[in-house]
Amino acid sequence: VCLGAVIRGATPHFDMVANESAKGIAAASLKTGVAVTN
């Protein structure tokens, strides 16, 4: 189970962190065959 909080600020950093963490979590689940929840 993956837990965190990304809160939008004044820069586009939010979008990068939110998108890449979600993609990485999905990839970890698919690569390992183990349920990894976001």
PDB file of all heavy atoms in Angstrom:
ATOM      1  N   VAL A   1       0.853  -1.184   0.000  1.00  0.00           N
ATOM      2  CA  VAL A   1       0.000   0.000   0.000  1.00  0.00           C
ATOM      3  C   VAL A   1       0.891   1.237   0.000  1.00  0.00           C
ATOM      4  O   VAL A   1       1.776   1.362   0.845  1.00  0.00           O
ATOM      5  CB  VAL A   1      -0.932   0.001   1.239  1.00  0.00           C
ATOM      6  CG1 VAL A   1      -1.741   1.283   1.321  1.00  0.00           C
ATOM      7  CG2 VAL A   1      -1.839  -1.227   1.228  1.00  0.00           C
ATOM      8  N   CYS A   2       0.665   2.135  -0.940  1.00  0.00           N
ATOM      9  CA  CYS A   2       1.468   3.350  -1.077  1.00  0.00           C
ATOM     10  C   CYS A   2       0.673   4.547  -0.567  1.00  0.00           C
ATOM     11  O   CYS A   2      -0.453   4.779  -1.009  1.00  0.00           O
ATOM     12  CB  CYS A   2       1.844   3.570  -2.542  1.00  0.00           C
ATOM     13  SG  CYS A   2       2.780   2.206  -3.245  1.00  0.00           S
ATOM     14  N   LEU A   3       1.270   5.311   0.356  1.00  0.00           N
ATOM     15  CA  LEU A   3       0.580   6.434   0.988  1.00  0.00           C
ATOM     16  C   LEU A   3       1.446   7.688   0.937  1.00  0.00           C
ATOM     17  O   LEU A   3       2.626   7.654   1.271  1.00  0.00           O
ATOM     18  CB  LEU A   3       0.250   6.108   2.441  1.00  0.00           C
ATOM     19  CG  LEU A   3      -0.597   4.854   2.664  1.00  0.00           C
ATOM     20  CD1 LEU A   3      -0.745   4.577   4.149  1.00  0.00           C
ATOM     21  CD2 LEU A   3      -1.953   4.989   1.987  1.00  0.00           C
ATOM     22  N   GLY A   4       0.841   8.784   0.525  1.00  0.00           N
ATOM     23  CA  GLY A   4       1.535  10.060   0.458  1.00  0.00           C
ATOM     24  C   GLY A   4       0.541  11.176   0.204  1.00  0.00           C
ATOM     25  O   GLY A   4      -0.658  10.939   0.047  1.00  0.00           O
ATOM     26  N   ALA A   5       1.055  12.388   0.131  1.00  0.00           N
ATOM     27  CA  ALA A   5       0.212  13.552  -0.149  1.00  0.00           C
ATOM     28  C   ALA A   5       1.002  14.540  -0.993  1.00  0.00           C
ATOM     29  O   ALA A   5       2.058  15.014  -0.568  1.00  0.00           O
ATOM     30  CB  ALA A   5      -0.258  14.209   1.145  1.00  0.00           C
ATOM     31  N   VAL A   6       0.495  14.804  -2.180  1.00  0.00           N
ATOM     32  CA  VAL A   6       1.084  15.789  -3.078  1.00  0.00           C
ATOM     33  C   VAL A   6       0.067  16.923  -3.180  1.00  0.00           C
ATOM     34  O   VAL A   6      -1.044  16.724  -3.673  1.00  0.00           O
ATOM     35  CB  VAL A   6       1.386  15.192  -4.467  1.00  0.00           C
ATOM     36  CG1 VAL A   6       2.077  16.221  -5.349  1.00  0.00           C
ATOM     37  CG2 VAL A   6       2.235  13.931  -4.344  1.00  0.00           C
ATOM     38  N   ILE A   7       0.456  18.087  -2.685  1.00  0.00           N
ATOM     39  CA  ILE A   7      -0.460  19.234  -2.643  1.00  0.00           C
ATOM     40  C   ILE A   7       0.036  20.285  -3.622  1.00  0.00           C
ATOM     41  O   ILE A   7       1.205  20.677  -3.588  1.00  0.00           O
ATOM     42  CB  ILE A   7      -0.562  19.787  -1.204  1.00  0.00           C
ATOM     43  CG1 ILE A   7      -1.044  18.667  -0.269  1.00  0.00           C
ATOM     44  CG2 ILE A   7      -1.486  21.000  -1.159  1.00  0.00           C
ATOM     45  CD1 ILE A   7      -0.931  18.984   1.209  1.00  0.00           C
ATOM     46  N   ARG A   8      -0.861  20.720  -4.500  1.00  0.00           N
ATOM     47  CA  ARG A   8      -0.500  21.665  -5.561  1.00  0.00           C
ATOM     48  C   ARG A   8       0.092  22.948  -4.977  1.00  0.00           C
ATOM     49  O   ARG A   8      -0.393  23.493  -4.014  1.00  0.00           O
ATOM     50  CB  ARG A   8      -1.713  22.010  -6.412  1.00  0.00           C
ATOM     51  CG  ARG A   8      -1.353  22.838  -7.645  1.00  0.00           C
ATOM     52  CD  ARG A   8      -2.556  23.139  -8.526  1.00  0.00           C
ATOM     53  NE  ARG A   8      -3.191  21.949  -9.054  1.00  0.00           N
ATOM     54  CZ  ARG A   8      -2.766  21.261 -10.099  1.00  0.00           C
ATOM     55  NH1 ARG A   8      -1.674  21.637 -10.731  1.00  0.00           N
ATOM     56  NH2 ARG A   8      -3.430  20.197 -10.513  1.00  0.00           N
ATOM     57  N   GLY A   9       1.175  23.384  -5.599  1.00  0.00           N
ATOM     58  CA  GLY A   9       1.807  24.647  -5.225  1.00  0.00           C
ATOM     59  C   GLY A   9       1.765  25.598  -6.406  1.00  0.00           C
ATOM     60  O   GLY A   9       0.936  25.452  -7.311  1.00  0.00           O
ATOM     61  N   ALA A  10       2.682  26.526  -6.437  1.00  0.00           N
ATOM     62  CA  ALA A  10       2.694  27.557  -7.470  1.00  0.00           C
ATOM     63  C   ALA A  10       3.496  27.164  -8.708  1.00  0.00           C
ATOM     64  O   ALA A  10       3.557  27.915  -9.668  1.00  0.00           O
ATOM     65  CB  ALA A  10       3.259  28.850  -6.888  1.00  0.00           C
ATOM     66  N   THR A  11       4.106  25.965  -8.690  1.00  0.00           N
ATOM     67  CA  THR A  11       4.935  25.543  -9.818  1.00  0.00           C
ATOM     68  C   THR A  11       4.388  24.245 -10.414  1.00  0.00           C
ATOM     69  O   THR A  11       3.576  23.557  -9.784  1.00  0.00           O
ATOM     70  CB  THR A  11       6.394  25.295  -9.369  1.00  0.00           C
ATOM     71  OG1 THR A  11       6.419  24.143  -8.528  1.00  0.00           O
ATOM     72  CG2 THR A  11       6.949  26.514  -8.631  1.00  0.00           C
ATOM     73  N   PRO A  12       4.845  23.858 -11.594  1.00  0.00           N
ATOM     74  CA  PRO A  12       4.379  22.609 -12.221  1.00  0.00           C
ATOM     75  C   PRO A  12       4.968  21.342 -11.593  1.00  0.00           C
ATOM     76  O   PRO A  12       4.680  20.247 -12.044  1.00  0.00           O
ATOM     77  CB  PRO A  12       4.806  22.749 -13.679  1.00  0.00           C
ATOM     78  CG  PRO A  12       5.809  23.829 -13.734  1.00  0.00           C
ATOM     79  CD  PRO A  12       5.635  24.679 -12.513  1.00  0.00           C
ATOM     80  N   HIS A  13       5.763  21.485 -10.557  1.00  0.00           N
ATOM     81  CA  HIS A  13       6.357  20.338  -9.868  1.00  0.00           C
ATOM     82  C   HIS A  13       5.282  19.341  -9.429  1.00  0.00           C
ATOM     83  O   HIS A  13       5.480  18.120  -9.504  1.00  0.00           O
ATOM     84  CB  HIS A  13       7.168  20.834  -8.663  1.00  0.00           C
ATOM     85  CG  HIS A  13       7.890  19.766  -7.926  1.00  0.00           C
ATOM     86  ND1 HIS A  13       8.980  19.107  -8.452  1.00  0.00           N
ATOM     87  CD2 HIS A  13       7.690  19.229  -6.697  1.00  0.00           C
ATOM     88  CE1 HIS A  13       9.413  18.208  -7.586  1.00  0.00           C
ATOM     89  NE2 HIS A  13       8.646  18.262  -6.512  1.00  0.00           N
ATOM     90  N   PHE A  14       4.151  19.845  -8.992  1.00  0.00           N
ATOM     91  CA  PHE A  14       3.029  19.006  -8.555  1.00  0.00           C
ATOM     92  C   PHE A  14       2.659  17.983  -9.624  1.00  0.00           C
ATOM     93  O   PHE A  14       2.511  16.798  -9.339  1.00  0.00           O
ATOM     94  CB  PHE A  14       1.817  19.895  -8.230  1.00  0.00           C
ATOM     95  CG  PHE A  14       0.520  19.149  -8.074  1.00  0.00           C
ATOM     96  CD1 PHE A  14       0.112  18.686  -6.837  1.00  0.00           C
ATOM     97  CD2 PHE A  14      -0.314  18.923  -9.169  1.00  0.00           C
ATOM     98  CE1 PHE A  14      -1.089  18.007  -6.684  1.00  0.00           C
ATOM     99  CE2 PHE A  14      -1.517  18.243  -9.024  1.00  0.00           C
ATOM    100  CZ  PHE A  14      -1.900  17.782  -7.782  1.00  0.00           C
ATOM    101  N   ASP A  15       2.495  18.452 -10.863  1.00  0.00           N
ATOM    102  CA  ASP A  15       2.061  17.578 -11.948  1.00  0.00           C
ATOM    103  C   ASP A  15       3.068  16.460 -12.197  1.00  0.00           C
ATOM    104  O   ASP A  15       2.695  15.301 -12.385  1.00  0.00           O
ATOM    105  CB  ASP A  15       1.830  18.381 -13.231  1.00  0.00           C
ATOM    106  CG  ASP A  15       0.708  19.394 -13.064  1.00  0.00           C
ATOM    107  OD1 ASP A  15      -0.386  18.996 -12.608  1.00  0.00           O
ATOM    108  OD2 ASP A  15       0.931  20.577 -13.363  1.00  0.00           O
ATOM    109  N   MET A  16       4.340  16.809 -12.192  1.00  0.00           N
ATOM    110  CA  MET A  16       5.382  15.822 -12.428  1.00  0.00           C
ATOM    111  C   MET A  16       5.389  14.763 -11.320  1.00  0.00           C
ATOM    112  O   MET A  16       5.406  13.560 -11.596  1.00  0.00           O
ATOM    113  CB  MET A  16       6.754  16.510 -12.515  1.00  0.00           C
ATOM    114  CG  MET A  16       7.909  15.597 -12.903  1.00  0.00           C
ATOM    115  SD  MET A  16       8.771  14.785 -11.550  1.00  0.00           S
ATOM    116  CE  MET A  16       9.356  16.143 -10.597  1.00  0.00           C
ATOM    117  N   VAL A  17       5.356  15.181 -10.088  1.00  0.00           N
ATOM    118  CA  VAL A  17       5.396  14.224  -8.969  1.00  0.00           C
ATOM    119  C   VAL A  17       4.139  13.351  -8.959  1.00  0.00           C
ATOM    120  O   VAL A  17       4.222  12.125  -8.813  1.00  0.00           O
ATOM    121  CB  VAL A  17       5.583  14.952  -7.622  1.00  0.00           C
ATOM    122  CG1 VAL A  17       5.427  13.987  -6.446  1.00  0.00           C
ATOM    123  CG2 VAL A  17       6.933  15.635  -7.573  1.00  0.00           C
ATOM    124  N   ALA A  18       2.980  13.970  -9.150  1.00  0.00           N
ATOM    125  CA  ALA A  18       1.729  13.210  -9.134  1.00  0.00           C
ATOM    126  C   ALA A  18       1.705  12.176 -10.259  1.00  0.00           C
ATOM    127  O   ALA A  18       1.375  11.001 -10.028  1.00  0.00           O
ATOM    128  CB  ALA A  18       0.536  14.156  -9.251  1.00  0.00           C
ATOM    129  N   ASN A  19       2.065  12.591 -11.465  1.00  0.00           N
ATOM    130  CA  ASN A  19       2.026  11.683 -12.607  1.00  0.00           C
ATOM    131  C   ASN A  19       3.047  10.562 -12.494  1.00  0.00           C
ATOM    132  O   ASN A  19       2.734   9.392 -12.725  1.00  0.00           O
ATOM    133  CB  ASN A  19       2.248  12.455 -13.917  1.00  0.00           C
ATOM    134  CG  ASN A  19       1.084  13.357 -14.252  1.00  0.00           C
ATOM    135  OD1 ASN A  19      -0.044  13.100 -13.852  1.00  0.00           O
ATOM    136  ND2 ASN A  19       1.358  14.422 -14.977  1.00  0.00           N
ATOM    137  N   GLU A  20       4.279  10.910 -12.163  1.00  0.00           N
ATOM    138  CA  GLU A  20       5.338   9.902 -12.131  1.00  0.00           C
ATOM    139  C   GLU A  20       5.159   8.923 -10.977  1.00  0.00           C
ATOM    140  O   GLU A  20       5.466   7.733 -11.134  1.00  0.00           O
ATOM    141  CB  GLU A  20       6.713  10.561 -12.081  1.00  0.00           C
ATOM    142  CG  GLU A  20       7.048  11.345 -13.338  1.00  0.00           C
ATOM    143  CD  GLU A  20       6.928  10.530 -14.619  1.00  0.00           C
ATOM    144  OE1 GLU A  20       7.403   9.369 -14.651  1.00  0.00           O
ATOM    145  OE2 GLU A  20       6.359  11.042 -15.598  1.00  0.00           O
ATOM    146  N   SER A  21       4.652   9.370  -9.846  1.00  0.00           N
ATOM    147  CA  SER A  21       4.434   8.426  -8.747  1.00  0.00           C
ATOM    148  C   SER A  21       3.317   7.446  -9.119  1.00  0.00           C
ATOM    149  O   SER A  21       3.444   6.239  -8.863  1.00  0.00           O
ATOM    150  CB  SER A  21       4.145   9.145  -7.430  1.00  0.00           C
ATOM    151  OG  SER A  21       2.967   9.900  -7.502  1.00  0.00           O
ATOM    152  N   ALA A  22       2.267   7.929  -9.755  1.00  0.00           N
ATOM    153  CA  ALA A  22       1.177   7.037 -10.168  1.00  0.00           C
ATOM    154  C   ALA A  22       1.657   6.029 -11.210  1.00  0.00           C
ATOM    155  O   ALA A  22       1.347   4.829 -11.114  1.00  0.00           O
ATOM    156  CB  ALA A  22       0.007   7.853 -10.710  1.00  0.00           C
ATOM    157  N   LYS A  23       2.421   6.491 -12.186  1.00  0.00           N
ATOM    158  CA  LYS A  23       2.954   5.580 -13.204  1.00  0.00           C
ATOM    159  C   LYS A  23       3.881   4.538 -12.575  1.00  0.00           C
ATOM    160  O   LYS A  23       3.843   3.356 -12.937  1.00  0.00           O
ATOM    161  CB  LYS A  23       3.724   6.357 -14.269  1.00  0.00           C
ATOM    162  CG  LYS A  23       2.850   7.022 -15.296  1.00  0.00           C
ATOM    163  CD  LYS A  23       3.700   7.481 -16.461  1.00  0.00           C
ATOM    164  CE  LYS A  23       3.707   8.983 -16.524  1.00  0.00           C
ATOM    165  NZ  LYS A  23       4.560   9.517 -17.588  1.00  0.00           N
ATOM    166  N   GLY A  24       4.719   4.980 -11.653  1.00  0.00           N
ATOM    167  CA  GLY A  24       5.651   4.072 -11.006  1.00  0.00           C
ATOM    168  C   GLY A  24       4.965   3.013 -10.167  1.00  0.00           C
ATOM    169  O   GLY A  24       5.398   1.854 -10.140  1.00  0.00           O
ATOM    170  N   ILE A  25       3.903   3.380  -9.494  1.00  0.00           N
ATOM    171  CA  ILE A  25       3.146   2.423  -8.683  1.00  0.00           C
ATOM    172  C   ILE A  25       2.507   1.375  -9.586  1.00  0.00           C
ATOM    173  O   ILE A  25       2.583   0.172  -9.309  1.00  0.00           O
ATOM    174  CB  ILE A  25       2.093   3.152  -7.820  1.00  0.00           C
ATOM    175  CG1 ILE A  25       2.802   3.935  -6.715  1.00  0.00           C
ATOM    176  CG2 ILE A  25       1.071   2.177  -7.248  1.00  0.00           C
ATOM    177  CD1 ILE A  25       1.916   4.929  -5.992  1.00  0.00           C
ATOM    178  N   ALA A  26       1.899   1.810 -10.672  1.00  0.00           N
ATOM    179  CA  ALA A  26       1.299   0.861 -11.616  1.00  0.00           C
ATOM    180  C   ALA A  26       2.361  -0.068 -12.191  1.00  0.00           C
ATOM    181  O   ALA A  26       2.158  -1.290 -12.296  1.00  0.00           O
ATOM    182  CB  ALA A  26       0.576   1.615 -12.732  1.00  0.00           C
ATOM    183  N   ALA A  27       3.503   0.480 -12.552  1.00  0.00           N
ATOM    184  CA  ALA A  27       4.584  -0.329 -13.121  1.00  0.00           C
ATOM    185  C   ALA A  27       5.098  -1.351 -12.111  1.00  0.00           C
ATOM    186  O   ALA A  27       5.388  -2.502 -12.479  1.00  0.00           O
ATOM    187  CB  ALA A  27       5.724   0.570 -13.593  1.00  0.00           C
ATOM    188  N   ALA A  28       5.210  -0.969 -10.849  1.00  0.00           N
ATOM    189  CA  ALA A  28       5.683  -1.891  -9.818  1.00  0.00           C
ATOM    190  C   ALA A  28       4.734  -3.076  -9.686  1.00  0.00           C
ATOM    191  O   ALA A  28       5.174  -4.225  -9.556  1.00  0.00           O
ATOM    192  CB  ALA A  28       5.824  -1.161  -8.479  1.00  0.00           C
ATOM    193  N   SER A  29       3.453  -2.814  -9.725  1.00  0.00           N
ATOM    194  CA  SER A  29       2.466  -3.884  -9.613  1.00  0.00           C
ATOM    195  C   SER A  29       2.541  -4.815 -10.820  1.00  0.00           C
ATOM    196  O   SER A  29       2.564  -6.044 -10.674  1.00  0.00           O
ATOM    197  CB  SER A  29       1.067  -3.287  -9.480  1.00  0.00           C
ATOM    198  OG  SER A  29       0.130  -4.289  -9.167  1.00  0.00           O
ATOM    199  N   LEU A  30       2.590  -4.239 -12.003  1.00  0.00           N
ATOM    200  CA  LEU A  30       2.645  -5.055 -13.218  1.00  0.00           C
ATOM    201  C   LEU A  30       3.947  -5.847 -13.317  1.00  0.00           C
ATOM    202  O   LEU A  30       3.952  -7.002 -13.742  1.00  0.00           O
ATOM    203  CB  LEU A  30       2.457  -4.169 -14.450  1.00  0.00           C
ATOM    204  CG  LEU A  30       1.065  -3.550 -14.593  1.00  0.00           C
ATOM    205  CD1 LEU A  30       1.045  -2.542 -15.727  1.00  0.00           C
ATOM    206  CD2 LEU A  30       0.008  -4.630 -14.804  1.00  0.00           C
ATOM    207  N   LYS A  31       5.048  -5.248 -12.914  1.00  0.00           N
ATOM    208  CA  LYS A  31       6.355  -5.920 -13.002  1.00  0.00           C
ATOM    209  C   LYS A  31       6.456  -7.096 -12.038  1.00  0.00           C
ATOM    210  O   LYS A  31       7.032  -8.130 -12.373  1.00  0.00           O
ATOM    211  CB  LYS A  31       7.480  -4.927 -12.727  1.00  0.00           C
ATOM    212  CG  LYS A  31       8.867  -5.534 -12.858  1.00  0.00           C
ATOM    213  CD  LYS A  31       9.953  -4.504 -12.688  1.00  0.00           C
ATOM    214  CE  LYS A  31      11.320  -5.152 -12.863  1.00  0.00           C
ATOM    215  NZ  LYS A  31      12.405  -4.188 -12.743  1.00  0.00           N
ATOM    216  N   THR A  32       5.904  -6.947 -10.851  1.00  0.00           N
ATOM    217  CA  THR A  32       6.063  -7.969  -9.821  1.00  0.00           C
ATOM    218  C   THR A  32       4.901  -8.955  -9.746  1.00  0.00           C
ATOM    219  O   THR A  32       5.046 -10.030  -9.166  1.00  0.00           O
ATOM    220  CB  THR A  32       6.226  -7.324  -8.434  1.00  0.00           C
ATOM    221  OG1 THR A  32       5.038  -6.591  -8.112  1.00  0.00           O
ATOM    222  CG2 THR A  32       7.447  -6.413  -8.394  1.00  0.00           C
ATOM    223  N   GLY A  33       3.738  -8.581 -10.255  1.00  0.00           N
ATOM    224  CA  GLY A  33       2.564  -9.423 -10.119  1.00  0.00           C
ATOM    225  C   GLY A  33       1.932  -9.365  -8.745  1.00  0.00           C
ATOM    226  O   GLY A  33       1.060 -10.157  -8.412  1.00  0.00           O
ATOM    227  N   VAL A  34       2.364  -8.410  -7.945  1.00  0.00           N
ATOM    228  CA  VAL A  34       1.833  -8.215  -6.597  1.00  0.00           C
ATOM    229  C   VAL A  34       0.964  -6.952  -6.611  1.00  0.00           C
ATOM    230  O   VAL A  34       1.330  -5.955  -7.230  1.00  0.00           O
ATOM    231  CB  VAL A  34       2.993  -8.055  -5.583  1.00  0.00           C
ATOM    232  CG1 VAL A  34       2.481  -7.674  -4.202  1.00  0.00           C
ATOM    233  CG2 VAL A  34       3.805  -9.336  -5.514  1.00  0.00           C
ATOM    234  N   ALA A  35      -0.162  -7.003  -5.935  1.00  0.00           N
ATOM    235  CA  ALA A  35      -1.026  -5.824  -5.864  1.00  0.00           C
ATOM    236  C   ALA A  35      -0.292  -4.693  -5.147  1.00  0.00           C
ATOM    237  O   ALA A  35       0.174  -4.865  -4.021  1.00  0.00           O
ATOM    238  CB  ALA A  35      -2.320  -6.151  -5.139  1.00  0.00           C
ATOM    239  N   VAL A  36      -0.164  -3.554  -5.819  1.00  0.00           N
ATOM    240  CA  VAL A  36       0.436  -2.351  -5.240  1.00  0.00           C
ATOM    241  C   VAL A  36      -0.609  -1.259  -5.412  1.00  0.00           C
ATOM    242  O   VAL A  36      -0.918  -0.867  -6.540  1.00  0.00           O
ATOM    243  CB  VAL A  36       1.757  -1.970  -5.938  1.00  0.00           C
ATOM    244  CG1 VAL A  36       2.365  -0.728  -5.288  1.00  0.00           C
ATOM    245  CG2 VAL A  36       2.753  -3.124  -5.894  1.00  0.00           C
ATOM    246  N   THR A  37      -1.174  -0.804  -4.306  1.00  0.00           N
ATOM    247  CA  THR A  37      -2.283   0.151  -4.400  1.00  0.00           C
ATOM    248  C   THR A  37      -1.816   1.585  -4.170  1.00  0.00           C
ATOM    249  O   THR A  37      -0.863   1.836  -3.442  1.00  0.00           O
ATOM    250  CB  THR A  37      -3.415  -0.194  -3.403  1.00  0.00           C
ATOM    251  OG1 THR A  37      -2.926  -0.124  -2.066  1.00  0.00           O
ATOM    252  CG2 THR A  37      -3.964  -1.594  -3.674  1.00  0.00           C
ATOM    253  N   ASN A  38      -2.519   2.503  -4.808  1.00  0.00           N
ATOM    254  CA  ASN A  38      -2.161   3.916  -4.798  1.00  0.00           C
ATOM    255  C   ASN A  38      -3.052   4.692  -3.829  1.00  0.00           C
ATOM    256  O   ASN A  38      -4.209   4.958  -4.128  1.00  0.00           O
ATOM    257  CB  ASN A  38      -2.291   4.494  -6.206  1.00  0.00           C
ATOM    258  CG  ASN A  38      -1.769   5.905  -6.312  1.00  0.00           C
ATOM    259  OD1 ASN A  38      -1.524   6.570  -5.310  1.00  0.00           O
ATOM    260  ND2 ASN A  38      -1.611   6.378  -7.529  1.00  0.00           N
TER     261      ASN A  38
END
